[in-house]
Amino acid sequence: MNSDKIILDLCGGTGSWSKPYKNHGYDVRLITLPKHDVLTYVPPDNVYGVLAAPVCTDFSVSGAQYWNRKDQDGTTIKSMSITMACLRIIAMTRPSFWALENPVGRLRKWLGDPQLIFNPCDYGDPYTKKTLLWGRFNEPKRNPVEPIRVCSQGSWLQKLGGKSEKTKMLRSMTPQGFANAFYNANK
């Protein structure tokens, strides 16, 4: 029934945001390293929806103390090129809906005000991680719950720490409550 609807999950890592689409029979294409690179990816013509989650490490306010160094050594430009590649793919495919997410940080300075600001606890996952969403999409219906504090900084994400790939992956995963709500609003 939905197998003819292509969903591109750009920089999607684990595919947690597009998982509800895949579970409902959509043709989900995970465009993420190492197999696919958004910088060189050529999308098909008939894309139904695009979910984009470009790298946040160089934009997130949690790393603001490193912004100057990253601006100087070219890291910011490299990460911005990934964001621009996502926007290029969106412009090329002209999907029925699209969304680009990133945590609170300096991406807002370049993209303007987001369409949606949320925390996972707004959609049933009991923790906080303020996230911004730009795009053209139907706003998901909220299902708020009280966040659980597990440390002085707040949620379990702040307790992770470290720079390992596993830690980065856990911090960047789309909460399933939000992913399901987004799917239900944008089928």
Protein backbone atom coordinates (compact mmCIF):
# COMPACT_ATOMS: atom_id res chain seq x y z
CA MET A 1 0.00 0.00 0.00
CA ASN A 2 2.77 2.48 0.89
CA SER A 3 5.60 0.70 -0.94
CA ASP A 4 5.48 3.25 -3.76
CA LYS A 5 6.18 6.13 -1.33
CA ILE A 6 9.90 6.83 -0.96
CA ILE A 7 11.14 8.32 2.31
CA LEU A 8 14.72 9.59 2.35
CA ASP A 9 16.32 9.49 5.79
CA LEU A 10 19.33 11.79 5.33
CA CYS A 11 22.18 11.42 7.83
CA GLY A 12 19.80 9.10 9.67
CA GLY A 13 22.38 6.96 11.48
CA THR A 14 20.31 4.22 13.11
CA GLY A 15 17.16 4.98 11.11
CA SER A 16 15.17 5.59 14.30
CA TRP A 17 13.27 8.59 12.84
CA SER A 18 12.20 6.72 9.70
CA LYS A 19 11.47 3.45 11.52
CA PRO A 20 7.67 4.03 11.73
CA TYR A 21 7.59 4.61 7.95
CA LYS A 22 9.55 1.40 7.34
CA ASN A 23 7.24 -0.49 9.73
CA HIS A 24 4.25 0.69 7.68
CA GLY A 25 5.64 -0.48 4.35
CA TYR A 26 7.15 2.73 2.95
CA ASP A 27 10.24 2.50 0.75
CA VAL A 28 12.69 3.98 3.28
CA ARG A 29 16.17 4.81 2.02
CA LEU A 30 18.74 5.49 4.71
CA ILE A 31 21.29 7.87 3.20
CA THR A 32 24.04 7.84 5.79
CA LEU A 33 27.74 7.10 5.99
CA PRO A 34 29.57 4.87 5.36
CA LYS A 35 27.35 3.40 2.61
CA HIS A 36 25.85 6.66 1.26
CA ASP A 37 27.08 10.25 1.46
CA VAL A 38 24.60 13.14 1.20
CA LEU A 39 27.35 15.22 -0.43
CA THR A 40 27.32 13.00 -3.54
CA TYR A 41 23.89 11.34 -3.35
CA VAL A 42 21.63 11.73 -6.37
CA PRO A 43 18.00 11.20 -5.30
CA PRO A 44 15.25 9.59 -7.34
CA ASP A 45 12.50 11.74 -8.86
CA ASN A 46 9.47 10.47 -6.93
CA VAL A 47 10.38 11.15 -3.29
CA TYR A 48 7.39 11.38 -0.95
CA GLY A 49 9.10 12.67 2.20
CA VAL A 50 12.52 13.69 3.51
CA LEU A 51 13.77 13.41 7.09
CA ALA A 52 17.14 15.13 7.55
CA ALA A 53 19.33 15.02 10.65
CA PRO A 54 22.67 16.57 9.67
CA VAL A 55 25.60 16.38 12.06
CA CYS A 56 25.01 18.48 15.17
CA THR A 57 28.40 18.25 16.87
CA ASP A 58 29.63 21.53 15.36
CA PHE A 59 26.36 23.44 15.81
CA SER A 60 25.01 22.38 19.20
CA VAL A 61 25.18 24.91 22.02
CA SER A 62 26.61 22.17 24.24
CA GLY A 63 29.85 22.53 22.26
CA ALA A 64 29.89 26.32 22.05
CA GLN A 65 33.28 26.50 23.73
CA TYR A 66 34.77 24.85 20.60
CA TRP A 67 33.01 26.98 17.96
CA ASN A 68 35.87 29.44 17.45
CA ARG A 69 38.42 26.65 16.93
CA LYS A 70 36.05 24.81 14.58
CA ASP A 71 35.45 27.99 12.60
CA GLN A 72 39.22 28.46 12.26
CA ASP A 73 40.12 24.89 11.27
CA GLY A 74 37.34 24.44 8.67
CA THR A 75 35.23 21.98 10.68
CA THR A 76 32.22 24.31 10.71
CA ILE A 77 32.30 24.74 6.92
CA LYS A 78 32.52 20.97 6.44
CA SER A 79 29.49 20.39 8.68
CA MET A 80 27.58 23.24 7.03
CA SER A 81 28.22 21.61 3.64
CA ILE A 82 26.43 18.49 4.93
CA THR A 83 23.46 20.62 6.02
CA MET A 84 23.44 22.36 2.64
CA ALA A 85 23.57 18.98 0.86
CA CYS A 86 20.46 17.92 2.79
CA LEU A 87 18.70 21.15 1.72
CA ARG A 88 19.87 20.59 -1.88
CA ILE A 89 18.31 17.11 -1.90
CA ILE A 90 15.08 18.53 -0.46
CA ALA A 91 15.01 21.24 -3.16
CA MET A 92 15.70 18.67 -5.90
CA THR A 93 13.00 16.22 -4.81
CA ARG A 94 10.24 18.67 -3.82
CA PRO A 95 8.67 16.12 -1.44
CA SER A 96 5.15 16.26 0.00
CA PHE A 97 6.75 16.94 3.39
CA TRP A 98 10.23 17.47 4.74
CA ALA A 99 11.91 18.19 8.06
CA LEU A 100 15.46 19.02 9.14
CA GLU A 101 16.34 18.58 12.81
CA ASN A 102 19.15 19.80 15.03
CA PRO A 103 19.50 20.57 18.73
CA VAL A 104 19.54 24.12 20.06
CA GLY A 105 22.60 25.87 18.70
CA ARG A 106 23.91 28.11 15.99
CA LEU A 107 22.20 26.44 13.03
CA ARG A 108 19.24 28.66 13.92
CA LYS A 109 21.39 31.69 13.09
CA TRP A 110 21.69 30.49 9.49
CA LEU A 111 18.31 28.81 8.93
CA GLY A 112 16.10 31.22 10.88
CA ASP A 113 13.36 30.32 13.29
CA PRO A 114 12.33 26.66 13.29
CA GLN A 115 8.78 25.49 12.66
CA LEU A 116 8.82 23.36 15.82
CA ILE A 117 10.77 23.25 19.09
CA PHE A 118 10.29 20.19 21.27
CA ASN A 119 11.68 17.95 23.99
CA PRO A 120 11.27 14.15 23.90
CA CYS A 121 9.02 14.41 26.99
CA ASP A 122 6.52 16.34 24.82
CA TYR A 123 5.92 13.08 22.93
CA GLY A 124 5.98 10.47 25.69
CA ASP A 125 9.70 9.84 26.19
CA PRO A 126 10.51 10.92 29.78
CA TYR A 127 13.66 12.98 29.19
CA THR A 128 14.71 16.36 27.84
CA LYS A 129 16.81 17.30 24.82
CA LYS A 130 15.51 20.48 23.23
CA THR A 131 15.38 19.96 19.49
CA LEU A 132 14.58 22.31 16.61
CA LEU A 133 12.77 21.29 13.43
CA TRP A 134 12.68 23.28 10.20
CA GLY A 135 10.63 22.29 7.19
CA ARG A 136 7.21 21.83 5.69
CA PHE A 137 5.28 19.26 7.68
CA ASN A 138 2.20 18.77 9.84
CA GLU A 139 2.98 19.33 13.50
CA PRO A 140 2.84 16.09 15.47
CA LYS A 141 0.26 15.73 18.23
CA ARG A 142 1.88 16.06 21.64
CA ASN A 143 1.62 13.46 24.37
CA PRO A 144 3.48 15.14 27.27
CA VAL A 145 4.96 13.24 30.21
CA GLU A 146 7.05 14.43 33.13
CA PRO A 147 10.80 14.11 32.41
CA ILE A 148 12.86 11.98 34.74
CA ARG A 149 15.99 13.60 36.19
CA VAL A 150 18.83 11.12 36.57
CA CYS A 151 21.66 13.55 37.34
CA SER A 152 22.20 17.19 38.31
CA GLN A 153 22.19 18.25 34.65
CA GLY A 154 18.92 16.49 33.92
CA SER A 155 18.33 13.55 31.60
CA TRP A 156 20.25 10.33 31.00
CA LEU A 157 21.82 11.96 27.92
CA GLN A 158 23.89 14.33 30.07
CA LYS A 159 25.12 11.38 32.08
CA LEU A 160 26.58 9.67 29.00
CA GLY A 161 29.61 11.89 28.46
CA GLY A 162 32.55 10.73 26.38
CA LYS A 163 33.34 10.89 22.69
CA SER A 164 32.93 7.28 21.60
CA GLU A 165 30.93 6.47 18.48
CA LYS A 166 28.43 4.53 20.63
CA THR A 167 27.90 7.56 22.90
CA LYS A 168 27.42 9.88 19.90
CA MET A 169 24.94 7.43 18.40
CA LEU A 170 22.91 7.20 21.63
CA ARG A 171 22.81 10.98 21.98
CA SER A 172 21.69 11.49 18.40
CA MET A 173 18.92 8.87 18.18
CA THR A 174 15.46 10.22 17.48
CA PRO A 175 13.14 9.42 20.42
CA GLN A 176 10.55 6.84 19.35
CA GLY A 177 7.61 8.76 20.85
CA PHE A 178 8.43 11.72 18.61
CA ALA A 179 9.17 9.49 15.58
CA ASN A 180 5.76 7.80 15.93
CA ALA A 181 3.94 11.11 16.43
CA PHE A 182 5.71 12.63 13.42
CA TYR A 183 4.74 9.64 11.30
CA ASN A 184 1.10 9.83 12.38
CA ALA A 185 0.96 13.52 11.42
CA ASN A 186 2.81 13.06 8.12
CA LYS A 187 1.72 9.77 6.49
